[in-house]
Amino acid sequence: MKDINGTKYYTKKEMAQMIGCSLGTINARIIATKIDGYYLGHAKHYTTEQVRRIAEYRKTPTTANND
């Protein structure tokens, strides 16, 4: 994790460890949500808000039970 001016940036590997899934899942979610990271050096990094959106992504949204 890098902290630049109070904004935290995470790599895909750090994100996978935080969320508890594989790098393949992280890559699929990044593509599906069309989130674009920031290059810091030669690796892309993602903000805390972007990590949250990737963690909460579901391919098929859950529907409420209408009983």
Protein backbone atom coordinates (compact mmCIF):
# COMPACT_ATOMS: atom_id res chain seq x y z
CA MET A 1 0.00 0.00 0.00
CA LYS A 2 1.17 3.48 -0.84
CA ASP A 3 -0.14 6.60 0.85
CA ILE A 4 0.07 9.76 -1.25
CA ASN A 5 -1.40 12.96 0.16
CA GLY A 6 -3.79 10.99 2.37
CA THR A 7 -5.05 8.72 -0.45
CA LYS A 8 -4.23 5.03 -0.10
CA TYR A 9 -3.38 3.01 -3.21
CA TYR A 10 -3.31 -0.80 -3.35
CA THR A 11 -1.86 -3.29 -5.85
CA LYS A 12 -3.90 -6.18 -7.23
CA LYS A 13 -1.99 -8.58 -4.98
CA GLU A 14 -2.79 -6.53 -1.87
CA MET A 15 -6.40 -6.26 -3.01
CA ALA A 16 -6.68 -10.04 -3.44
CA GLN A 17 -5.33 -10.59 0.08
CA MET A 18 -7.71 -8.01 1.56
CA ILE A 19 -10.79 -9.39 -0.21
CA GLY A 20 -9.77 -13.04 0.09
CA CYS A 21 -9.89 -14.07 -3.57
CA SER A 22 -7.50 -14.87 -6.41
CA LEU A 23 -5.76 -12.48 -8.78
CA GLY A 24 -7.88 -13.95 -11.59
CA THR A 25 -11.04 -12.91 -9.76
CA ILE A 26 -9.62 -9.44 -9.17
CA ASN A 27 -8.76 -9.09 -12.87
CA ALA A 28 -12.23 -10.26 -13.92
CA ARG A 29 -13.92 -7.79 -11.57
CA ILE A 30 -11.71 -4.92 -12.75
CA ILE A 31 -12.67 -5.65 -16.36
CA ALA A 32 -16.38 -6.07 -15.52
CA THR A 33 -16.57 -2.83 -13.55
CA LYS A 34 -14.38 -0.94 -16.04
CA ILE A 35 -12.26 0.50 -13.26
CA ASP A 36 -9.00 2.05 -14.39
CA GLY A 37 -6.16 2.13 -11.90
CA TYR A 38 -3.22 4.48 -11.58
CA TYR A 39 0.33 3.64 -12.55
CA LEU A 40 2.68 4.24 -9.66
CA GLY A 41 5.96 2.96 -11.02
CA HIS A 42 5.34 0.09 -13.42
CA ALA A 43 2.38 -1.47 -11.54
CA LYS A 44 -1.21 -0.26 -11.42
CA HIS A 45 -2.62 0.74 -8.07
CA TYR A 46 -6.23 1.27 -7.00
CA THR A 47 -7.73 3.67 -4.46
CA THR A 48 -9.67 2.55 -1.40
CA GLU A 49 -12.96 3.47 -3.11
CA GLN A 50 -12.06 1.45 -6.19
CA VAL A 51 -11.14 -1.54 -3.99
CA ARG A 52 -14.54 -1.25 -2.27
CA ARG A 53 -16.36 -1.25 -5.63
CA ILE A 54 -14.37 -4.29 -6.80
CA ALA A 55 -15.06 -6.15 -3.53
CA GLU A 56 -18.80 -5.46 -3.72
CA TYR A 57 -19.16 -6.38 -7.41
CA ARG A 58 -21.57 -9.22 -8.19
CA LYS A 59 -22.08 -10.57 -11.71
CA THR A 60 -25.80 -10.99 -11.14
CA PRO A 61 -27.31 -8.54 -8.69
CA THR A 62 -29.22 -10.06 -5.82
CA THR A 63 -32.96 -9.49 -5.81
CA ALA A 64 -35.10 -8.89 -2.77
CA ASN A 65 -37.46 -11.65 -1.76
CA ASN A 66 -40.95 -10.34 -2.59
CA ASP A 67 -43.07 -12.48 -0.26
